[in-house]
Amino acid sequence: MAAAEQDYLLGLDLSTFCCGFCIWNLSENKFETAGHIPLKKYNEWLDKVDQVAYIIEEIRDNTNSIKHVVVEDIITKFISGKSNIKTIIKLAGFNHVIQRKCYEIFGSAPSLLNVIRARNLAECKVPRGSNSKEYVLKRIVELHPEVKTLLPLMKTKPEFAKEAFDVADAIVVARAGAAERRVDV
């Protein structure tokens, strides 16, 4: 008797600096793996798109049962001192192009999740006054201790690199995507 095919979800946190990804096993409701796609060495945004699409195709080829793709939605409001319109437009464009690439690669449009909703669904609600990036990274390591070995470290000291935040955000997106599909996370 053949084993039942596993059903996987790909969670993505997209940015032009680094894209985090997470593969969640929906059939067994568990974290499978996560990683990041470094993009800072690419100057042109089309080269960044090509690199992300290449890695997503590799993920698809190595995990041939990805049925769902979930992407963290873009920020839609200006936050004084934290964002500027040029950056928001650049990230929105990049996000939408990668969504289209996901559609081409997997044959269905990705689902979008607002960051606040994703954190709530993933049991990573940030307490008022806390640094959200630091809190989410810490919480993800608590929920999935095995992630610690997958997170990139700084070259000069034994601390997590900036890319670790993107990986943690991708895990949040994957956990939330699984929770939305009525799977106990």
N, C-alpha and C. Protein backbone atom coordinates (compact mmCIF):
# COMPACT_ATOMS: atom_id res chain seq x y z
N MET A 1 0.84 -1.18 0.00
CA MET A 1 0.00 0.00 0.00
C MET A 1 0.89 1.25 0.00
N ALA A 2 0.62 2.19 -0.89
CA ALA A 2 1.43 3.40 -1.02
C ALA A 2 1.15 4.35 0.14
N ALA A 3 2.19 5.06 0.55
CA ALA A 3 2.03 6.05 1.61
C ALA A 3 1.24 7.23 1.08
N ALA A 4 0.46 7.83 1.95
CA ALA A 4 -0.33 9.00 1.55
C ALA A 4 0.60 10.16 1.22
N GLU A 5 0.25 10.91 0.17
CA GLU A 5 1.04 12.06 -0.22
C GLU A 5 0.92 13.15 0.85
N GLN A 6 2.02 13.77 1.17
CA GLN A 6 2.04 14.85 2.14
C GLN A 6 1.60 16.15 1.47
N ASP A 7 0.98 17.01 2.23
CA ASP A 7 0.49 18.29 1.76
C ASP A 7 1.29 19.39 2.47
N TYR A 8 1.97 20.24 1.70
CA TYR A 8 2.84 21.26 2.28
C TYR A 8 2.37 22.67 1.93
N LEU A 9 2.78 23.61 2.78
CA LEU A 9 2.52 25.02 2.59
C LEU A 9 3.86 25.75 2.58
N LEU A 10 4.01 26.71 1.70
CA LEU A 10 5.20 27.54 1.65
C LEU A 10 4.84 28.93 2.14
N GLY A 11 5.49 29.38 3.21
CA GLY A 11 5.30 30.72 3.75
C GLY A 11 6.46 31.60 3.32
N LEU A 12 6.16 32.82 2.86
CA LEU A 12 7.20 33.74 2.38
C LEU A 12 7.10 35.10 3.05
N ASP A 13 8.26 35.62 3.44
CA ASP A 13 8.40 37.00 3.89
C ASP A 13 9.32 37.66 2.87
N LEU A 14 8.77 38.56 2.07
CA LEU A 14 9.50 39.11 0.93
C LEU A 14 10.06 40.49 1.22
N SER A 15 11.32 40.69 0.82
CA SER A 15 11.92 42.02 0.84
C SER A 15 13.07 42.01 -0.16
N THR A 16 13.53 43.19 -0.53
CA THR A 16 14.60 43.26 -1.53
C THR A 16 15.99 43.05 -0.91
N PHE A 17 16.07 42.96 0.40
CA PHE A 17 17.33 42.68 1.10
C PHE A 17 17.52 41.17 1.30
N CYS A 18 16.44 40.51 1.71
CA CYS A 18 16.48 39.09 2.03
C CYS A 18 15.05 38.57 2.11
N CYS A 19 14.81 37.41 1.54
CA CYS A 19 13.48 36.80 1.61
C CYS A 19 13.56 35.57 2.51
N GLY A 20 12.69 35.51 3.49
CA GLY A 20 12.60 34.33 4.34
C GLY A 20 11.57 33.36 3.77
N PHE A 21 11.82 32.06 3.96
CA PHE A 21 10.84 31.07 3.55
C PHE A 21 10.71 30.00 4.61
N CYS A 22 9.54 29.37 4.66
CA CYS A 22 9.28 28.29 5.59
C CYS A 22 8.39 27.26 4.90
N ILE A 23 8.71 26.01 5.10
CA ILE A 23 7.87 24.92 4.60
C ILE A 23 7.19 24.28 5.80
N TRP A 24 5.87 24.24 5.74
CA TRP A 24 5.04 23.68 6.81
C TRP A 24 4.33 22.45 6.28
N ASN A 25 4.42 21.35 7.00
CA ASN A 25 3.74 20.11 6.62
C ASN A 25 2.30 20.18 7.14
N LEU A 26 1.36 20.39 6.23
CA LEU A 26 -0.04 20.47 6.62
C LEU A 26 -0.61 19.11 6.99
N SER A 27 -0.10 18.06 6.35
CA SER A 27 -0.61 16.71 6.61
C SER A 27 -0.34 16.28 8.05
N GLU A 28 0.84 16.64 8.55
CA GLU A 28 1.22 16.28 9.92
C GLU A 28 1.18 17.48 10.86
N ASN A 29 0.80 18.63 10.30
CA ASN A 29 0.74 19.88 11.06
C ASN A 29 2.02 20.15 11.84
N LYS A 30 3.12 20.27 11.09
CA LYS A 30 4.39 20.54 11.76
C LYS A 30 5.33 21.33 10.88
N PHE A 31 6.23 22.02 11.54
CA PHE A 31 7.30 22.75 10.89
C PHE A 31 8.22 21.74 10.21
N GLU A 32 8.58 22.01 8.96
CA GLU A 32 9.53 21.14 8.25
C GLU A 32 10.91 21.78 8.19
N THR A 33 11.00 22.96 7.57
CA THR A 33 12.29 23.63 7.46
C THR A 33 12.06 25.09 7.13
N ALA A 34 13.12 25.86 7.20
CA ALA A 34 13.06 27.28 6.88
C ALA A 34 14.43 27.74 6.43
N GLY A 35 14.46 28.87 5.81
CA GLY A 35 15.73 29.43 5.36
C GLY A 35 15.53 30.82 4.81
N HIS A 36 16.58 31.32 4.18
CA HIS A 36 16.50 32.67 3.63
C HIS A 36 17.20 32.72 2.27
N ILE A 37 16.81 33.70 1.50
CA ILE A 37 17.39 33.95 0.18
C ILE A 37 18.05 35.32 0.26
N PRO A 38 19.38 35.36 0.40
CA PRO A 38 20.06 36.66 0.49
C PRO A 38 20.06 37.36 -0.87
N LEU A 39 19.75 38.65 -0.85
CA LEU A 39 19.64 39.40 -2.11
C LEU A 39 20.50 40.65 -2.15
N LYS A 40 21.23 40.95 -1.08
CA LYS A 40 21.95 42.22 -1.03
C LYS A 40 23.07 42.32 -2.07
N LYS A 41 23.55 41.19 -2.59
CA LYS A 41 24.63 41.26 -3.59
C LYS A 41 24.11 41.61 -4.99
N TYR A 42 22.78 41.58 -5.16
CA TYR A 42 22.18 41.92 -6.45
C TYR A 42 21.76 43.39 -6.45
N ASN A 43 22.21 44.13 -7.44
CA ASN A 43 21.88 45.55 -7.50
C ASN A 43 20.56 45.82 -8.21
N GLU A 44 20.28 45.07 -9.23
CA GLU A 44 19.07 45.28 -10.03
C GLU A 44 17.91 44.46 -9.47
N TRP A 45 16.73 45.06 -9.41
CA TRP A 45 15.58 44.35 -8.84
C TRP A 45 15.18 43.15 -9.67
N LEU A 46 15.40 43.18 -10.99
CA LEU A 46 15.08 42.02 -11.82
C LEU A 46 15.98 40.83 -11.49
N ASP A 47 17.25 41.12 -11.17
CA ASP A 47 18.16 40.05 -10.74
C ASP A 47 17.68 39.44 -9.42
N LYS A 48 17.16 40.27 -8.54
CA LYS A 48 16.63 39.80 -7.26
C LYS A 48 15.40 38.91 -7.50
N VAL A 49 14.52 39.34 -8.40
CA VAL A 49 13.34 38.55 -8.75
C VAL A 49 13.77 37.19 -9.31
N ASP A 50 14.74 37.21 -10.23
CA ASP A 50 15.21 35.96 -10.83
C ASP A 50 15.77 35.01 -9.78
N GLN A 51 16.53 35.54 -8.82
CA GLN A 51 17.12 34.71 -7.77
C GLN A 51 16.04 34.10 -6.88
N VAL A 52 15.06 34.90 -6.48
CA VAL A 52 13.98 34.39 -5.64
C VAL A 52 13.19 33.33 -6.40
N ALA A 53 12.87 33.59 -7.67
CA ALA A 53 12.12 32.62 -8.47
C ALA A 53 12.92 31.32 -8.62
N TYR A 54 14.22 31.43 -8.82
CA TYR A 54 15.07 30.25 -8.95
C TYR A 54 15.01 29.39 -7.68
N ILE A 55 15.14 30.03 -6.51
CA ILE A 55 15.10 29.30 -5.24
C ILE A 55 13.71 28.71 -5.00
N ILE A 56 12.66 29.45 -5.32
CA ILE A 56 11.31 28.92 -5.15
C ILE A 56 11.09 27.70 -6.05
N GLU A 57 11.63 27.74 -7.26
CA GLU A 57 11.54 26.57 -8.15
C GLU A 57 12.30 25.38 -7.56
N GLU A 58 13.47 25.64 -6.96
CA GLU A 58 14.23 24.58 -6.29
C GLU A 58 13.44 23.99 -5.13
N ILE A 59 12.78 24.84 -4.36
CA ILE A 59 11.95 24.38 -3.24
C ILE A 59 10.83 23.51 -3.79
N ARG A 60 10.17 23.97 -4.85
CA ARG A 60 9.10 23.18 -5.46
C ARG A 60 9.61 21.82 -5.93
N ASP A 61 10.76 21.81 -6.58
CA ASP A 61 11.32 20.56 -7.10
C ASP A 61 11.72 19.59 -5.99
N ASN A 62 12.13 20.12 -4.84
CA ASN A 62 12.55 19.29 -3.72
C ASN A 62 11.42 18.96 -2.76
N THR A 63 10.33 19.68 -2.86
CA THR A 63 9.15 19.43 -2.03
C THR A 63 7.97 19.46 -2.99
N ASN A 64 7.77 18.39 -3.71
CA ASN A 64 6.81 18.41 -4.82
C ASN A 64 5.35 18.39 -4.41
N SER A 65 5.07 18.57 -3.15
CA SER A 65 3.68 18.54 -2.69
C SER A 65 3.24 19.87 -2.07
N ILE A 66 3.86 20.97 -2.47
CA ILE A 66 3.41 22.27 -1.97
C ILE A 66 2.11 22.61 -2.66
N LYS A 67 1.07 22.72 -1.86
CA LYS A 67 -0.27 22.98 -2.38
C LYS A 67 -0.72 24.42 -2.12
N HIS A 68 -0.07 25.09 -1.17
CA HIS A 68 -0.47 26.44 -0.79
C HIS A 68 0.77 27.31 -0.62
N VAL A 69 0.66 28.55 -1.06
CA VAL A 69 1.70 29.55 -0.83
C VAL A 69 1.04 30.72 -0.12
N VAL A 70 1.67 31.15 0.96
CA VAL A 70 1.16 32.28 1.74
C VAL A 70 2.27 33.32 1.84
N VAL A 71 1.92 34.56 1.54
CA VAL A 71 2.87 35.66 1.52
C VAL A 71 2.43 36.72 2.52
N GLU A 72 3.39 37.25 3.28
CA GLU A 72 3.08 38.37 4.16
C GLU A 72 2.72 39.56 3.29
N ASP A 73 1.56 40.14 3.52
CA ASP A 73 1.08 41.26 2.73
C ASP A 73 1.96 42.50 2.96
N ILE A 74 1.94 43.41 2.00
CA ILE A 74 2.72 44.63 2.10
C ILE A 74 2.11 45.56 3.14
N ILE A 75 2.95 46.46 3.67
CA ILE A 75 2.41 47.48 4.56
C ILE A 75 1.63 48.47 3.70
N THR A 76 0.53 48.94 4.20
CA THR A 76 -0.33 49.80 3.39
C THR A 76 -0.50 51.19 3.97
N LYS A 77 0.25 51.48 5.02
CA LYS A 77 0.15 52.84 5.54
C LYS A 77 1.55 53.36 5.86
N PHE A 78 1.67 54.64 5.74
CA PHE A 78 2.92 55.32 6.02
C PHE A 78 3.11 55.44 7.52
N ILE A 79 4.28 55.02 8.00
CA ILE A 79 4.59 55.13 9.42
C ILE A 79 5.72 56.14 9.55
N SER A 80 5.41 57.30 10.08
CA SER A 80 6.37 58.38 10.18
C SER A 80 7.65 57.93 10.90
N GLY A 81 8.76 58.20 10.26
CA GLY A 81 10.06 57.85 10.84
C GLY A 81 10.49 56.42 10.59
N LYS A 82 9.58 55.56 10.09
CA LYS A 82 9.93 54.16 9.88
C LYS A 82 9.84 53.75 8.42
N SER A 83 9.17 54.55 7.60
CA SER A 83 9.02 54.18 6.20
C SER A 83 8.96 55.44 5.35
N ASN A 84 9.29 55.28 4.08
CA ASN A 84 9.09 56.38 3.16
C ASN A 84 8.38 55.85 1.92
N ILE A 85 7.73 56.73 1.21
CA ILE A 85 6.89 56.30 0.10
C ILE A 85 7.67 55.57 -0.98
N LYS A 86 8.90 55.97 -1.24
CA LYS A 86 9.72 55.32 -2.26
C LYS A 86 9.99 53.86 -1.89
N THR A 87 10.30 53.61 -0.64
CA THR A 87 10.55 52.24 -0.16
C THR A 87 9.28 51.41 -0.21
N ILE A 88 8.16 51.99 0.21
CA ILE A 88 6.89 51.26 0.20
C ILE A 88 6.53 50.85 -1.23
N ILE A 89 6.69 51.77 -2.18
CA ILE A 89 6.37 51.46 -3.58
C ILE A 89 7.31 50.39 -4.12
N LYS A 90 8.59 50.50 -3.82
CA LYS A 90 9.57 49.51 -4.28
C LYS A 90 9.23 48.12 -3.73
N LEU A 91 8.95 48.05 -2.44
CA LEU A 91 8.62 46.75 -1.83
C LEU A 91 7.30 46.19 -2.35
N ALA A 92 6.32 47.06 -2.58
CA ALA A 92 5.03 46.61 -3.11
C ALA A 92 5.21 46.02 -4.51
N GLY A 93 5.99 46.69 -5.34
CA GLY A 93 6.25 46.18 -6.68
C GLY A 93 6.95 44.84 -6.65
N PHE A 94 7.98 44.74 -5.83
CA PHE A 94 8.74 43.48 -5.71
C PHE A 94 7.82 42.37 -5.21
N ASN A 95 7.03 42.67 -4.18
CA ASN A 95 6.11 41.69 -3.60
C ASN A 95 5.14 41.17 -4.67
N HIS A 96 4.58 42.06 -5.45
CA HIS A 96 3.60 41.65 -6.46
C HIS A 96 4.24 40.84 -7.59
N VAL A 97 5.45 41.18 -7.97
CA VAL A 97 6.13 40.40 -9.01
C VAL A 97 6.43 38.99 -8.50
N ILE A 98 6.87 38.87 -7.25
CA ILE A 98 7.13 37.54 -6.68
C ILE A 98 5.83 36.75 -6.54
N GLN A 99 4.74 37.41 -6.18
CA GLN A 99 3.44 36.72 -6.14
C GLN A 99 3.11 36.14 -7.52
N ARG A 100 3.35 36.91 -8.57
CA ARG A 100 3.09 36.43 -9.93
C ARG A 100 3.99 35.24 -10.25
N LYS A 101 5.26 35.31 -9.85
CA LYS A 101 6.18 34.19 -10.07
C LYS A 101 5.67 32.94 -9.35
N CYS A 102 5.18 33.10 -8.13
CA CYS A 102 4.62 31.96 -7.39
C CYS A 102 3.43 31.37 -8.13
N TYR A 103 2.60 32.22 -8.69
CA TYR A 103 1.46 31.75 -9.48
C TYR A 103 1.95 30.92 -10.68
N GLU A 104 2.99 31.42 -11.35
CA GLU A 104 3.53 30.70 -12.51
C GLU A 104 4.17 29.37 -12.09
N ILE A 105 4.83 29.35 -10.96
CA ILE A 105 5.55 28.15 -10.50
C ILE A 105 4.59 27.10 -9.95
N PHE A 106 3.59 27.52 -9.16
CA PHE A 106 2.71 26.57 -8.48
C PHE A 106 1.32 26.43 -9.11
N GLY A 107 0.97 27.34 -10.02
CA GLY A 107 -0.31 27.23 -10.71
C GLY A 107 -1.51 27.77 -9.95
N SER A 108 -1.26 28.44 -8.84
CA SER A 108 -2.37 29.08 -8.11
C SER A 108 -1.83 30.33 -7.42
N ALA A 109 -2.72 31.29 -7.23
CA ALA A 109 -2.31 32.55 -6.62
C ALA A 109 -2.03 32.36 -5.14
N PRO A 110 -0.97 32.99 -4.64
CA PRO A 110 -0.70 32.91 -3.20
C PRO A 110 -1.76 33.63 -2.39
N SER A 111 -1.93 33.19 -1.15
CA SER A 111 -2.79 33.90 -0.20
C SER A 111 -1.94 34.98 0.46
N LEU A 112 -2.57 36.08 0.83
CA LEU A 112 -1.88 37.17 1.51
C LEU A 112 -2.35 37.25 2.94
N LEU A 113 -1.41 37.50 3.85
CA LEU A 113 -1.75 37.65 5.26
C LEU A 113 -1.17 38.95 5.81
N ASN A 114 -2.02 39.73 6.42
CA ASN A 114 -1.58 40.92 7.13
C ASN A 114 -0.68 40.50 8.29
N VAL A 115 0.37 41.27 8.53
CA VAL A 115 1.36 40.90 9.55
C VAL A 115 0.74 40.76 10.95
N ILE A 116 -0.17 41.64 11.31
CA ILE A 116 -0.78 41.57 12.64
C ILE A 116 -1.64 40.31 12.76
N ARG A 117 -2.46 40.06 11.75
CA ARG A 117 -3.30 38.85 11.76
C ARG A 117 -2.43 37.60 11.79
N ALA A 118 -1.36 37.59 11.01
CA ALA A 118 -0.46 36.43 10.98
C ALA A 118 0.13 36.17 12.36
N ARG A 119 0.60 37.22 13.01
CA ARG A 119 1.19 37.04 14.35
C ARG A 119 0.16 36.51 15.34
N ASN A 120 -1.06 37.01 15.26
CA ASN A 120 -2.11 36.52 16.16
C ASN A 120 -2.41 35.05 15.90
N LEU A 121 -2.57 34.66 14.65
CA LEU A 121 -2.87 33.27 14.31
C LEU A 121 -1.72 32.33 14.67
N ALA A 122 -0.49 32.85 14.61
CA ALA A 122 0.70 32.03 14.85
C ALA A 122 1.15 32.01 16.30
N GLU A 123 0.33 32.56 17.20
CA GLU A 123 0.67 32.63 18.63
C GLU A 123 1.93 33.46 18.88
N CYS A 124 2.06 34.54 18.11
CA CYS A 124 3.22 35.43 18.24
C CYS A 124 2.79 36.88 18.39
N LYS A 125 1.67 37.10 19.06
CA LYS A 125 1.18 38.47 19.26
C LYS A 125 2.20 39.24 20.09
N VAL A 126 2.58 40.39 19.58
CA VAL A 126 3.63 41.20 20.22
C VAL A 126 3.03 42.05 21.33
N PRO A 127 3.57 41.91 22.56
CA PRO A 127 3.07 42.75 23.67
C PRO A 127 3.36 44.23 23.42
N ARG A 128 2.46 45.07 23.85
CA ARG A 128 2.62 46.51 23.69
C ARG A 128 3.95 46.96 24.28
N GLY A 129 4.65 47.80 23.53
CA GLY A 129 5.92 48.35 24.00
C GLY A 129 7.13 47.48 23.68
N SER A 130 6.92 46.28 23.15
CA SER A 130 8.03 45.38 22.82
C SER A 130 8.55 45.65 21.41
N ASN A 131 9.81 45.35 21.20
CA ASN A 131 10.38 45.39 19.86
C ASN A 131 9.81 44.20 19.10
N SER A 132 9.02 44.45 18.07
CA SER A 132 8.30 43.37 17.40
C SER A 132 9.23 42.35 16.76
N LYS A 133 10.27 42.80 16.09
CA LYS A 133 11.19 41.87 15.42
C LYS A 133 11.87 40.95 16.44
N GLU A 134 12.38 41.54 17.51
CA GLU A 134 13.06 40.76 18.54
C GLU A 134 12.09 39.79 19.22
N TYR A 135 10.89 40.26 19.53
CA TYR A 135 9.91 39.41 20.20
C TYR A 135 9.54 38.22 19.32
N VAL A 136 9.23 38.48 18.05
CA VAL A 136 8.82 37.40 17.15
C VAL A 136 9.93 36.37 16.99
N LEU A 137 11.17 36.81 16.83
CA LEU A 137 12.29 35.87 16.71
C LEU A 137 12.41 35.00 17.96
N LYS A 138 12.34 35.62 19.12
CA LYS A 138 12.42 34.88 20.39
C LYS A 138 11.27 33.88 20.51
N ARG A 139 10.07 34.33 20.16
CA ARG A 139 8.88 33.47 20.27
C ARG A 139 8.95 32.28 19.31
N ILE A 140 9.43 32.51 18.11
CA ILE A 140 9.56 31.42 17.14
C ILE A 140 10.57 30.38 17.64
N VAL A 141 11.65 30.82 18.23
CA VAL A 141 12.65 29.88 18.78
C VAL A 141 12.04 29.10 19.94
N GLU A 142 11.18 29.72 20.73
CA GLU A 142 10.48 29.01 21.81
C GLU A 142 9.54 27.95 21.25
N LEU A 143 8.79 28.32 20.21
CA LEU A 143 7.81 27.39 19.63
C LEU A 143 8.47 26.26 18.83
N HIS A 144 9.61 26.57 18.22
CA HIS A 144 10.32 25.61 17.37
C HIS A 144 11.81 25.66 17.69
N PRO A 145 12.25 25.00 18.77
CA PRO A 145 13.66 25.07 19.16
C PRO A 145 14.62 24.62 18.05
N GLU A 146 14.15 23.75 17.15
CA GLU A 146 15.00 23.26 16.07
C GLU A 146 15.37 24.36 15.07
N VAL A 147 14.63 25.46 15.10
CA VAL A 147 14.89 26.58 14.18
C VAL A 147 16.22 27.24 14.48
N LYS A 148 16.62 27.21 15.74
CA LYS A 148 17.85 27.89 16.16
C LYS A 148 19.05 27.52 15.29
N THR A 149 19.13 26.26 14.89
CA THR A 149 20.26 25.82 14.07
C THR A 149 20.13 26.26 12.61
N LEU A 150 18.95 26.70 12.20
CA LEU A 150 18.73 27.13 10.81
C LEU A 150 18.91 28.63 10.62
N LEU A 151 18.92 29.38 11.71
CA LEU A 151 18.99 30.83 11.62
C LEU A 151 20.42 31.31 11.36
N PRO A 152 20.58 32.26 10.45
CA PRO A 152 21.93 32.77 10.15
C PRO A 152 22.49 33.58 11.31
N LEU A 153 23.80 33.43 11.51
CA LEU A 153 24.49 34.15 12.57
C LEU A 153 25.37 35.25 11.98
N MET A 154 25.66 36.25 12.80
CA MET A 154 26.59 37.30 12.39
C MET A 154 27.98 36.70 12.21
N LYS A 155 28.77 37.30 11.35
CA LYS A 155 30.13 36.79 11.11
C LYS A 155 31.09 37.18 12.23
N THR A 156 30.80 38.30 12.91
CA THR A 156 31.74 38.82 13.90
C THR A 156 31.43 38.44 15.35
N LYS A 157 30.18 38.05 15.62
CA LYS A 157 29.83 37.66 16.99
C LYS A 157 28.72 36.62 16.97
N PRO A 158 28.60 35.85 18.04
CA PRO A 158 27.61 34.76 18.06
C PRO A 158 26.18 35.23 18.35
N GLU A 159 25.68 36.08 17.47
CA GLU A 159 24.30 36.57 17.57
C GLU A 159 23.63 36.33 16.24
N PHE A 160 22.29 36.29 16.25
CA PHE A 160 21.56 36.11 15.01
C PHE A 160 21.77 37.31 14.09
N ALA A 161 21.93 37.04 12.81
CA ALA A 161 22.07 38.09 11.80
C ALA A 161 20.70 38.68 11.48
N LYS A 162 20.69 39.81 10.78
CA LYS A 162 19.43 40.47 10.40
C LYS A 162 18.52 39.53 9.60
N GLU A 163 19.11 38.66 8.82
CA GLU A 163 18.34 37.72 8.00
C GLU A 163 17.49 36.77 8.85
N ALA A 164 17.89 36.56 10.10
CA ALA A 164 17.12 35.68 10.99
C ALA A 164 15.70 36.21 11.22
N PHE A 165 15.55 37.54 11.20
CA PHE A 165 14.22 38.13 11.38
C PHE A 165 13.31 37.76 10.21
N ASP A 166 13.88 37.72 9.00
CA ASP A 166 13.08 37.35 7.82
C ASP A 166 12.67 35.89 7.87
N VAL A 167 13.55 35.04 8.35
CA VAL A 167 13.22 33.62 8.51
C VAL A 167 12.10 33.47 9.55
N ALA A 168 12.23 34.16 10.67
CA ALA A 168 11.20 34.10 11.72
C ALA A 168 9.85 34.59 11.18
N ASP A 169 9.87 35.68 10.41
CA ASP A 169 8.62 36.19 9.84
C ASP A 169 8.00 35.19 8.87
N ALA A 170 8.82 34.49 8.10
CA ALA A 170 8.30 33.47 7.18
C ALA A 170 7.66 32.32 7.95
N ILE A 171 8.25 31.96 9.08
CA ILE A 171 7.68 30.90 9.91
C ILE A 171 6.33 31.36 10.47
N VAL A 172 6.25 32.61 10.88
CA VAL A 172 4.98 33.16 11.36
C VAL A 172 3.93 33.06 10.26
N VAL A 173 4.29 33.44 9.04
CA VAL A 173 3.35 33.40 7.92
C VAL A 173 2.90 31.95 7.66
N ALA A 174 3.83 31.01 7.71
CA ALA A 174 3.48 29.60 7.48
C ALA A 174 2.57 29.06 8.59
N ARG A 175 2.91 29.35 9.85
CA ARG A 175 2.07 28.93 10.98
C ARG A 175 0.67 29.51 10.84
N ALA A 176 0.60 30.79 10.48
CA ALA A 176 -0.70 31.45 10.34
C ALA A 176 -1.48 30.85 9.17
N GLY A 177 -0.80 30.59 8.06
CA GLY A 177 -1.46 29.96 6.92
C GLY A 177 -2.02 28.60 7.28
N ALA A 178 -1.27 27.85 8.07
CA ALA A 178 -1.74 26.54 8.53
C ALA A 178 -2.95 26.72 9.46
N ALA A 179 -2.88 27.70 10.35
CA ALA A 179 -3.99 27.95 11.28
C ALA A 179 -5.25 28.36 10.53
N GLU A 180 -5.10 29.14 9.48
CA GLU A 180 -6.26 29.54 8.68
C GLU A 180 -6.93 28.37 7.99
N ARG A 181 -6.17 27.33 7.75
CA ARG A 181 -6.73 26.14 7.10
C ARG A 181 -7.30 25.18 8.12
N ARG A 182 -7.61 25.73 9.30
CA ARG A 182 -8.25 24.98 10.40
C ARG A 182 -7.39 23.80 10.88
N VAL A 183 -6.09 24.02 10.86
CA VAL A 183 -5.16 23.03 11.36
C VAL A 183 -4.70 23.50 12.73
N ASP A 184 -4.68 22.62 13.71
CA ASP A 184 -4.20 23.02 15.03
C ASP A 184 -2.70 23.26 14.96
N VAL A 185 -2.28 24.45 15.31
CA VAL A 185 -0.86 24.81 15.26
C VAL A 185 -0.28 24.66 16.65
